[in-house]
Structures are given as C-alpha cells and as structure tokens.
Amino acid sequence: MYILMLEIQKKKSSDITATILMIARIIDGKYRTYLVASIRWLVSIIPIFFNILMIIIIYFYSVTNEKIDKINKRIEKCNQKADEVLA
C-alpha cells in the first residue's frame, strides 16, 4: 500500500497522498509500533468487548411472546410508514 501511494504521489504529485501518509504516520515504509498496536486494538480487542457486552445484555433481557408481538407490530408500522413515504 505504501508503494502504491508513493507511485500515485509521483505521477499526480498530489497532496492527498502526503496527507494520508502523514495521518497514518508511515515513515520509510515502516509502521510505528503504536500504529500497529492501534490497529490490533481496533480489529480484535474492541469487538471482543462489544460482543461480551452484547451477551450480557441478551442474557438479562427477558423475551416473552407479548414482547415479540409488540416488536413485530412496531416493525410493521415502520415498514408501512416507509412504504407510504416511498409511494
């Protein structure tokens, strides 16, 4: 990706490529350690946290037939409103 950006910069002499490289903090084609750590956090640790939070919420959320019917009615109303707007 770094090489591609450099090629674009050579051909177009664009400031956009330089800005992207500066934002990504890429120096001489090597990523800084905190950039790699940040990417690792974004793609692994944070999703794990939200999955655990989701499991806890689902565990304590009691679902009854009445709630399911109520949710289905709300969905039908929203769909009807959307159909009216689109029509």
N, C-alpha and C. Protein backbone atom coordinates (compact mmCIF):
# COMPACT_ATOMS: atom_id res chain seq x y z
N MET A 1 0.83 -1.18 0.00
CA MET A 1 0.00 0.00 0.00
C MET A 1 0.88 1.25 0.00
N TYR A 2 1.95 1.20 0.76
CA TYR A 2 2.86 2.34 0.83
C TYR A 2 3.47 2.63 -0.53
N ILE A 3 3.88 1.57 -1.23
CA ILE A 3 4.49 1.74 -2.55
C ILE A 3 3.48 2.32 -3.53
N LEU A 4 2.24 1.84 -3.46
CA LEU A 4 1.19 2.35 -4.33
C LEU A 4 0.97 3.84 -4.09
N MET A 5 0.94 4.24 -2.83
CA MET A 5 0.76 5.66 -2.52
C MET A 5 1.91 6.51 -3.05
N LEU A 6 3.12 5.97 -2.94
CA LEU A 6 4.27 6.72 -3.46
C LEU A 6 4.20 6.85 -4.97
N GLU A 7 3.75 5.79 -5.66
CA GLU A 7 3.60 5.86 -7.11
C GLU A 7 2.55 6.89 -7.51
N ILE A 8 1.45 6.91 -6.78
CA ILE A 8 0.40 7.90 -7.07
C ILE A 8 0.96 9.30 -6.85
N GLN A 9 1.73 9.46 -5.78
CA GLN A 9 2.28 10.77 -5.50
C GLN A 9 3.26 11.20 -6.58
N LYS A 10 4.05 10.27 -7.10
CA LYS A 10 5.00 10.61 -8.16
C LYS A 10 4.27 11.03 -9.43
N LYS A 11 3.22 10.30 -9.77
CA LYS A 11 2.52 10.57 -11.03
C LYS A 11 1.62 11.79 -10.93
N LYS A 12 0.95 11.94 -9.83
CA LYS A 12 -0.02 13.02 -9.70
C LYS A 12 0.52 14.20 -8.89
N SER A 13 1.61 13.97 -8.17
CA SER A 13 2.18 14.96 -7.25
C SER A 13 1.07 15.57 -6.39
N SER A 14 0.31 14.68 -5.80
CA SER A 14 -0.86 15.07 -5.03
C SER A 14 -0.52 15.28 -3.57
N ASP A 15 -1.16 16.25 -2.98
CA ASP A 15 -1.00 16.48 -1.55
C ASP A 15 -1.82 15.48 -0.74
N ILE A 16 -2.80 14.86 -1.39
CA ILE A 16 -3.65 13.90 -0.69
C ILE A 16 -2.83 12.73 -0.21
N THR A 17 -1.96 12.22 -1.04
CA THR A 17 -1.14 11.07 -0.66
C THR A 17 -0.24 11.42 0.51
N ALA A 18 0.36 12.58 0.45
CA ALA A 18 1.23 13.01 1.55
C ALA A 18 0.44 13.15 2.84
N THR A 19 -0.79 13.64 2.73
CA THR A 19 -1.63 13.78 3.91
C THR A 19 -1.98 12.43 4.49
N ILE A 20 -2.33 11.48 3.63
CA ILE A 20 -2.66 10.13 4.11
C ILE A 20 -1.46 9.51 4.80
N LEU A 21 -0.29 9.65 4.20
CA LEU A 21 0.92 9.10 4.81
C LEU A 21 1.21 9.77 6.15
N MET A 22 0.96 11.07 6.23
CA MET A 22 1.21 11.77 7.47
C MET A 22 0.22 11.34 8.55
N ILE A 23 -1.05 11.16 8.17
CA ILE A 23 -2.05 10.72 9.13
C ILE A 23 -1.73 9.32 9.62
N ALA A 24 -1.35 8.44 8.72
CA ALA A 24 -1.03 7.07 9.09
C ALA A 24 0.31 6.96 9.80
N ARG A 25 1.08 8.03 9.78
CA ARG A 25 2.39 8.08 10.44
C ARG A 25 3.33 6.99 9.92
N ILE A 26 3.36 6.86 8.62
CA ILE A 26 4.24 5.88 8.00
C ILE A 26 5.56 6.58 7.67
N ILE A 27 6.64 6.02 8.12
CA ILE A 27 7.94 6.59 7.86
C ILE A 27 8.80 5.53 7.19
N ASP A 28 9.29 5.82 6.00
CA ASP A 28 10.15 4.90 5.26
C ASP A 28 9.54 3.52 5.09
N GLY A 29 8.23 3.45 4.93
CA GLY A 29 7.57 2.18 4.69
C GLY A 29 7.43 1.31 5.91
N LYS A 30 7.84 1.79 7.07
CA LYS A 30 7.73 1.00 8.30
C LYS A 30 6.67 1.64 9.19
N TYR A 31 5.81 0.80 9.72
CA TYR A 31 4.77 1.29 10.61
C TYR A 31 5.35 1.48 12.00
N ARG A 32 4.93 2.52 12.66
CA ARG A 32 5.34 2.71 14.04
C ARG A 32 4.62 1.70 14.92
N THR A 33 5.22 1.38 16.04
CA THR A 33 4.66 0.32 16.90
C THR A 33 3.29 0.69 17.43
N TYR A 34 3.07 1.96 17.77
CA TYR A 34 1.76 2.31 18.30
C TYR A 34 0.69 2.27 17.22
N LEU A 35 1.06 2.46 15.97
CA LEU A 35 0.08 2.33 14.89
C LEU A 35 -0.36 0.88 14.75
N VAL A 36 0.59 -0.02 14.81
CA VAL A 36 0.26 -1.45 14.73
C VAL A 36 -0.57 -1.86 15.94
N ALA A 37 -0.21 -1.36 17.11
CA ALA A 37 -0.98 -1.68 18.32
C ALA A 37 -2.40 -1.11 18.21
N SER A 38 -2.54 0.07 17.66
CA SER A 38 -3.87 0.67 17.50
C SER A 38 -4.73 -0.15 16.55
N ILE A 39 -4.15 -0.59 15.46
CA ILE A 39 -4.90 -1.42 14.51
C ILE A 39 -5.30 -2.73 15.17
N ARG A 40 -4.40 -3.30 15.94
CA ARG A 40 -4.70 -4.55 16.65
C ARG A 40 -5.87 -4.34 17.61
N TRP A 41 -5.87 -3.22 18.33
CA TRP A 41 -6.98 -2.92 19.25
C TRP A 41 -8.28 -2.77 18.47
N LEU A 42 -8.24 -2.07 17.34
CA LEU A 42 -9.46 -1.82 16.58
C LEU A 42 -10.06 -3.09 15.99
N VAL A 43 -9.23 -4.03 15.60
CA VAL A 43 -9.77 -5.22 14.93
C VAL A 43 -9.95 -6.42 15.84
N SER A 44 -9.45 -6.37 17.07
CA SER A 44 -9.59 -7.55 17.93
C SER A 44 -10.16 -7.23 19.30
N ILE A 45 -9.54 -6.36 20.05
CA ILE A 45 -9.91 -6.13 21.44
C ILE A 45 -11.27 -5.44 21.55
N ILE A 46 -11.48 -4.37 20.80
CA ILE A 46 -12.73 -3.62 20.89
C ILE A 46 -13.93 -4.47 20.47
N PRO A 47 -13.88 -5.22 19.36
CA PRO A 47 -15.01 -6.10 19.03
C PRO A 47 -15.28 -7.16 20.10
N ILE A 48 -14.23 -7.68 20.71
CA ILE A 48 -14.42 -8.66 21.79
C ILE A 48 -15.19 -8.01 22.94
N PHE A 49 -14.81 -6.78 23.30
CA PHE A 49 -15.50 -6.07 24.38
C PHE A 49 -16.99 -5.90 24.05
N PHE A 50 -17.30 -5.46 22.84
CA PHE A 50 -18.70 -5.25 22.47
C PHE A 50 -19.47 -6.56 22.38
N ASN A 51 -18.83 -7.64 21.97
CA ASN A 51 -19.50 -8.94 21.95
C ASN A 51 -19.84 -9.40 23.36
N ILE A 52 -18.93 -9.21 24.30
CA ILE A 52 -19.21 -9.58 25.69
C ILE A 52 -20.34 -8.72 26.24
N LEU A 53 -20.32 -7.43 25.94
CA LEU A 53 -21.40 -6.54 26.38
C LEU A 53 -22.74 -6.99 25.79
N MET A 54 -22.75 -7.37 24.52
CA MET A 54 -23.97 -7.85 23.86
C MET A 54 -24.49 -9.11 24.53
N ILE A 55 -23.59 -10.03 24.87
CA ILE A 55 -24.00 -11.27 25.53
C ILE A 55 -24.64 -10.98 26.88
N ILE A 56 -24.06 -10.04 27.63
CA ILE A 56 -24.62 -9.68 28.94
C ILE A 56 -26.00 -9.08 28.78
N ILE A 57 -26.16 -8.18 27.82
CA ILE A 57 -27.47 -7.55 27.60
C ILE A 57 -28.50 -8.58 27.19
N ILE A 58 -28.15 -9.48 26.29
CA ILE A 58 -29.09 -10.51 25.84
C ILE A 58 -29.45 -11.45 26.98
N TYR A 59 -28.49 -11.74 27.83
CA TYR A 59 -28.74 -12.66 28.95
C TYR A 59 -29.78 -12.09 29.91
N PHE A 60 -29.72 -10.78 30.18
CA PHE A 60 -30.64 -10.18 31.14
C PHE A 60 -31.92 -9.66 30.51
N TYR A 61 -32.05 -9.70 29.21
CA TYR A 61 -33.25 -9.21 28.53
C TYR A 61 -34.25 -10.36 28.44
N SER A 62 -35.35 -10.20 29.15
CA SER A 62 -36.36 -11.27 29.14
C SER A 62 -37.28 -11.09 27.93
N VAL A 63 -37.44 -12.16 27.18
CA VAL A 63 -38.26 -12.12 25.98
C VAL A 63 -39.50 -12.98 26.23
N THR A 64 -40.65 -12.35 26.08
CA THR A 64 -41.91 -13.07 26.20
C THR A 64 -42.64 -12.97 24.85
N ASN A 65 -43.68 -13.74 24.72
CA ASN A 65 -44.47 -13.69 23.48
C ASN A 65 -45.09 -12.31 23.29
N GLU A 66 -45.48 -11.67 24.39
CA GLU A 66 -46.08 -10.34 24.30
C GLU A 66 -45.06 -9.33 23.75
N LYS A 67 -43.82 -9.42 24.24
CA LYS A 67 -42.79 -8.51 23.75
C LYS A 67 -42.50 -8.75 22.28
N ILE A 68 -42.47 -10.00 21.88
CA ILE A 68 -42.21 -10.32 20.48
C ILE A 68 -43.32 -9.75 19.60
N ASP A 69 -44.58 -9.92 20.03
CA ASP A 69 -45.70 -9.37 19.27
C ASP A 69 -45.62 -7.85 19.18
N LYS A 70 -45.26 -7.22 20.30
CA LYS A 70 -45.14 -5.76 20.33
C LYS A 70 -44.04 -5.28 19.37
N ILE A 71 -42.92 -5.97 19.37
CA ILE A 71 -41.81 -5.62 18.49
C ILE A 71 -42.21 -5.81 17.03
N ASN A 72 -42.89 -6.91 16.73
CA ASN A 72 -43.34 -7.17 15.36
C ASN A 72 -44.32 -6.11 14.88
N LYS A 73 -45.23 -5.66 15.76
CA LYS A 73 -46.17 -4.60 15.39
C LYS A 73 -45.44 -3.30 15.08
N ARG A 74 -44.43 -2.99 15.90
CA ARG A 74 -43.64 -1.78 15.66
C ARG A 74 -42.93 -1.86 14.30
N ILE A 75 -42.38 -3.01 14.01
CA ILE A 75 -41.68 -3.19 12.73
C ILE A 75 -42.66 -3.03 11.57
N GLU A 76 -43.85 -3.61 11.70
CA GLU A 76 -44.85 -3.48 10.64
C GLU A 76 -45.25 -2.02 10.44
N LYS A 77 -45.43 -1.27 11.54
CA LYS A 77 -45.77 0.15 11.43
C LYS A 77 -44.67 0.92 10.72
N CYS A 78 -43.44 0.64 11.09
CA CYS A 78 -42.30 1.32 10.44
C CYS A 78 -42.24 0.98 8.95
N ASN A 79 -42.49 -0.26 8.62
CA ASN A 79 -42.49 -0.67 7.21
C ASN A 79 -43.61 0.01 6.43
N GLN A 80 -44.79 0.13 7.06
CA GLN A 80 -45.90 0.80 6.40
C GLN A 80 -45.58 2.27 6.16
N LYS A 81 -44.98 2.92 7.17
CA LYS A 81 -44.62 4.33 7.02
C LYS A 81 -43.58 4.50 5.91
N ALA A 82 -42.62 3.59 5.87
CA ALA A 82 -41.59 3.67 4.83
C ALA A 82 -42.21 3.46 3.45
N ASP A 83 -43.16 2.54 3.35
CA ASP A 83 -43.82 2.30 2.07
C ASP A 83 -44.63 3.52 1.63
N GLU A 84 -45.27 4.20 2.60
CA GLU A 84 -46.05 5.40 2.27
C GLU A 84 -45.14 6.52 1.78
N VAL A 85 -43.98 6.64 2.41
CA VAL A 85 -43.05 7.69 2.00
C VAL A 85 -42.50 7.41 0.61
N LEU A 86 -42.20 6.16 0.32
CA LEU A 86 -41.64 5.80 -0.98
C LEU A 86 -42.68 5.86 -2.09
N ALA A 87 -43.95 5.69 -1.75
CA ALA A 87 -45.00 5.67 -2.77
C ALA A 87 -45.35 7.04 -3.26
